[in-house]
Amino acid sequence: MQTETIDKSQQATSSIDEELIDTLIAISVVAKRLAANLRQQNTENGGKQDEQNE
């Protein structure tokens, strides 16, 4: 009985971990695309590639 409860708990945690991993990967992909688009726009507008606003 107790072992069965632990197994179900581990499966739920594993499922949540997988969802979290997938979400973080998706955020990373979107951030990379946004950075590439900003870099391209910046170079097209004649700005420096590594310039930051302060």
N, C-alpha and C. Protein backbone atom coordinates (compact mmCIF):
# COMPACT_ATOMS: atom_id res chain seq x y z
N MET A 1 0.83 -1.20 0.00
CA MET A 1 0.00 0.00 0.00
C MET A 1 0.87 1.26 0.00
N GLN A 2 1.80 1.31 0.93
CA GLN A 2 2.66 2.49 1.03
C GLN A 2 3.56 2.61 -0.21
N THR A 3 4.07 1.49 -0.69
CA THR A 3 4.92 1.49 -1.88
C THR A 3 4.14 1.98 -3.09
N GLU A 4 2.88 1.58 -3.19
CA GLU A 4 2.04 2.01 -4.30
C GLU A 4 1.84 3.52 -4.27
N THR A 5 1.64 4.09 -3.10
CA THR A 5 1.46 5.53 -2.96
C THR A 5 2.73 6.26 -3.35
N ILE A 6 3.89 5.76 -2.96
CA ILE A 6 5.17 6.38 -3.31
C ILE A 6 5.37 6.34 -4.82
N ASP A 7 5.06 5.22 -5.45
CA ASP A 7 5.20 5.09 -6.90
C ASP A 7 4.33 6.11 -7.63
N LYS A 8 3.09 6.28 -7.21
CA LYS A 8 2.19 7.24 -7.83
C LYS A 8 2.70 8.67 -7.63
N SER A 9 3.23 8.95 -6.46
CA SER A 9 3.78 10.27 -6.17
C SER A 9 4.99 10.56 -7.06
N GLN A 10 5.85 9.58 -7.23
CA GLN A 10 7.03 9.75 -8.09
C GLN A 10 6.62 9.95 -9.54
N GLN A 11 5.59 9.25 -9.98
CA GLN A 11 5.12 9.40 -11.35
C GLN A 11 4.55 10.81 -11.56
N ALA A 12 3.81 11.32 -10.59
CA ALA A 12 3.24 12.66 -10.68
C ALA A 12 4.35 13.70 -10.72
N THR A 13 5.36 13.52 -9.87
CA THR A 13 6.48 14.45 -9.84
C THR A 13 7.24 14.39 -11.16
N SER A 14 7.44 13.21 -11.69
CA SER A 14 8.13 13.04 -12.97
C SER A 14 7.36 13.73 -14.09
N SER A 15 6.05 13.61 -14.08
CA SER A 15 5.22 14.24 -15.09
C SER A 15 5.32 15.76 -14.99
N ILE A 16 5.28 16.28 -13.79
CA ILE A 16 5.41 17.73 -13.58
C ILE A 16 6.79 18.20 -14.02
N ASP A 17 7.82 17.43 -13.70
CA ASP A 17 9.19 17.77 -14.10
C ASP A 17 9.30 17.83 -15.63
N GLU A 18 8.71 16.86 -16.32
CA GLU A 18 8.75 16.84 -17.78
C GLU A 18 8.04 18.07 -18.35
N GLU A 19 6.91 18.44 -17.77
CA GLU A 19 6.17 19.61 -18.23
C GLU A 19 7.00 20.87 -18.02
N LEU A 20 7.64 20.97 -16.88
CA LEU A 20 8.48 22.12 -16.57
C LEU A 20 9.66 22.20 -17.54
N ILE A 21 10.29 21.08 -17.81
CA ILE A 21 11.40 21.03 -18.76
C ILE A 21 10.95 21.49 -20.13
N ASP A 22 9.81 20.99 -20.60
CA ASP A 22 9.29 21.38 -21.91
C ASP A 22 9.00 22.88 -21.97
N THR A 23 8.43 23.42 -20.90
CA THR A 23 8.12 24.85 -20.84
C THR A 23 9.39 25.68 -20.89
N LEU A 24 10.40 25.29 -20.13
CA LEU A 24 11.65 26.03 -20.12
C LEU A 24 12.36 25.97 -21.47
N ILE A 25 12.29 24.84 -22.14
CA ILE A 25 12.87 24.72 -23.48
C ILE A 25 12.15 25.65 -24.44
N ALA A 26 10.83 25.69 -24.37
CA ALA A 26 10.05 26.56 -25.25
C ALA A 26 10.40 28.03 -25.01
N ILE A 27 10.54 28.43 -23.75
CA ILE A 27 10.92 29.80 -23.42
C ILE A 27 12.30 30.12 -24.00
N SER A 28 13.21 29.18 -23.88
CA SER A 28 14.55 29.36 -24.40
C SER A 28 14.55 29.55 -25.91
N VAL A 29 13.76 28.75 -26.61
CA VAL A 29 13.68 28.85 -28.07
C VAL A 29 13.13 30.21 -28.48
N VAL A 30 12.07 30.65 -27.82
CA VAL A 30 11.46 31.94 -28.14
C VAL A 30 12.44 33.08 -27.85
N ALA A 31 13.14 33.02 -26.73
CA ALA A 31 14.12 34.05 -26.37
C ALA A 31 15.23 34.11 -27.41
N LYS A 32 15.68 32.97 -27.89
CA LYS A 32 16.73 32.94 -28.91
C LYS A 32 16.25 33.58 -30.20
N ARG A 33 15.01 33.29 -30.59
CA ARG A 33 14.46 33.90 -31.81
C ARG A 33 14.32 35.40 -31.66
N LEU A 34 13.84 35.85 -30.51
CA LEU A 34 13.70 37.29 -30.27
C LEU A 34 15.05 37.99 -30.32
N ALA A 35 16.07 37.39 -29.72
CA ALA A 35 17.41 37.97 -29.73
C ALA A 35 17.94 38.06 -31.16
N ALA A 36 17.73 37.02 -31.95
CA ALA A 36 18.19 37.04 -33.34
C ALA A 36 17.47 38.13 -34.14
N ASN A 37 16.16 38.27 -33.92
CA ASN A 37 15.40 39.31 -34.62
C ASN A 37 15.88 40.70 -34.21
N LEU A 38 16.11 40.92 -32.94
CA LEU A 38 16.60 42.22 -32.47
C LEU A 38 17.98 42.52 -33.04
N ARG A 39 18.85 41.51 -33.06
CA ARG A 39 20.19 41.69 -33.61
C ARG A 39 20.11 42.07 -35.09
N GLN A 40 19.23 41.39 -35.83
CA GLN A 40 19.08 41.68 -37.26
C GLN A 40 18.54 43.09 -37.47
N GLN A 41 17.52 43.47 -36.71
CA GLN A 41 16.96 44.81 -36.83
C GLN A 41 18.00 45.87 -36.50
N ASN A 42 18.80 45.60 -35.48
CA ASN A 42 19.80 46.56 -35.05
C ASN A 42 20.86 46.77 -36.13
N THR A 43 21.29 45.69 -36.77
CA THR A 43 22.30 45.82 -37.81
C THR A 43 21.71 46.45 -39.08
N GLU A 44 20.45 46.19 -39.36
CA GLU A 44 19.80 46.82 -40.52
C GLU A 44 19.64 48.31 -40.33
N ASN A 45 19.48 48.75 -39.10
CA ASN A 45 19.31 50.18 -38.80
C ASN A 45 20.64 50.88 -38.61
N GLY A 46 21.74 50.19 -38.86
CA GLY A 46 23.05 50.82 -38.78
C GLY A 46 23.60 50.94 -37.37
N GLY A 47 22.97 50.30 -36.40
CA GLY A 47 23.44 50.37 -35.02
C GLY A 47 24.54 49.36 -34.76
N LYS A 48 25.22 49.55 -33.67
CA LYS A 48 26.25 48.59 -33.27
C LYS A 48 25.58 47.31 -32.81
N GLN A 49 26.25 46.19 -33.04
CA GLN A 49 25.65 44.89 -32.73
C GLN A 49 25.55 44.65 -31.24
N ASP A 50 26.50 45.13 -30.43
CA ASP A 50 26.51 44.84 -29.00
C ASP A 50 26.10 46.04 -28.15
N GLU A 51 25.43 47.01 -28.75
CA GLU A 51 25.06 48.22 -28.04
C GLU A 51 23.93 47.93 -27.03
N GLN A 52 24.04 48.59 -25.86
CA GLN A 52 23.00 48.46 -24.84
C GLN A 52 22.51 49.84 -24.44
N ASN A 53 21.22 49.93 -24.14
CA ASN A 53 20.66 51.20 -23.64
C ASN A 53 20.87 51.25 -22.14
N GLU A 54 21.31 52.39 -21.67
CA GLU A 54 21.51 52.56 -20.23
C GLU A 54 20.61 53.62 -19.68
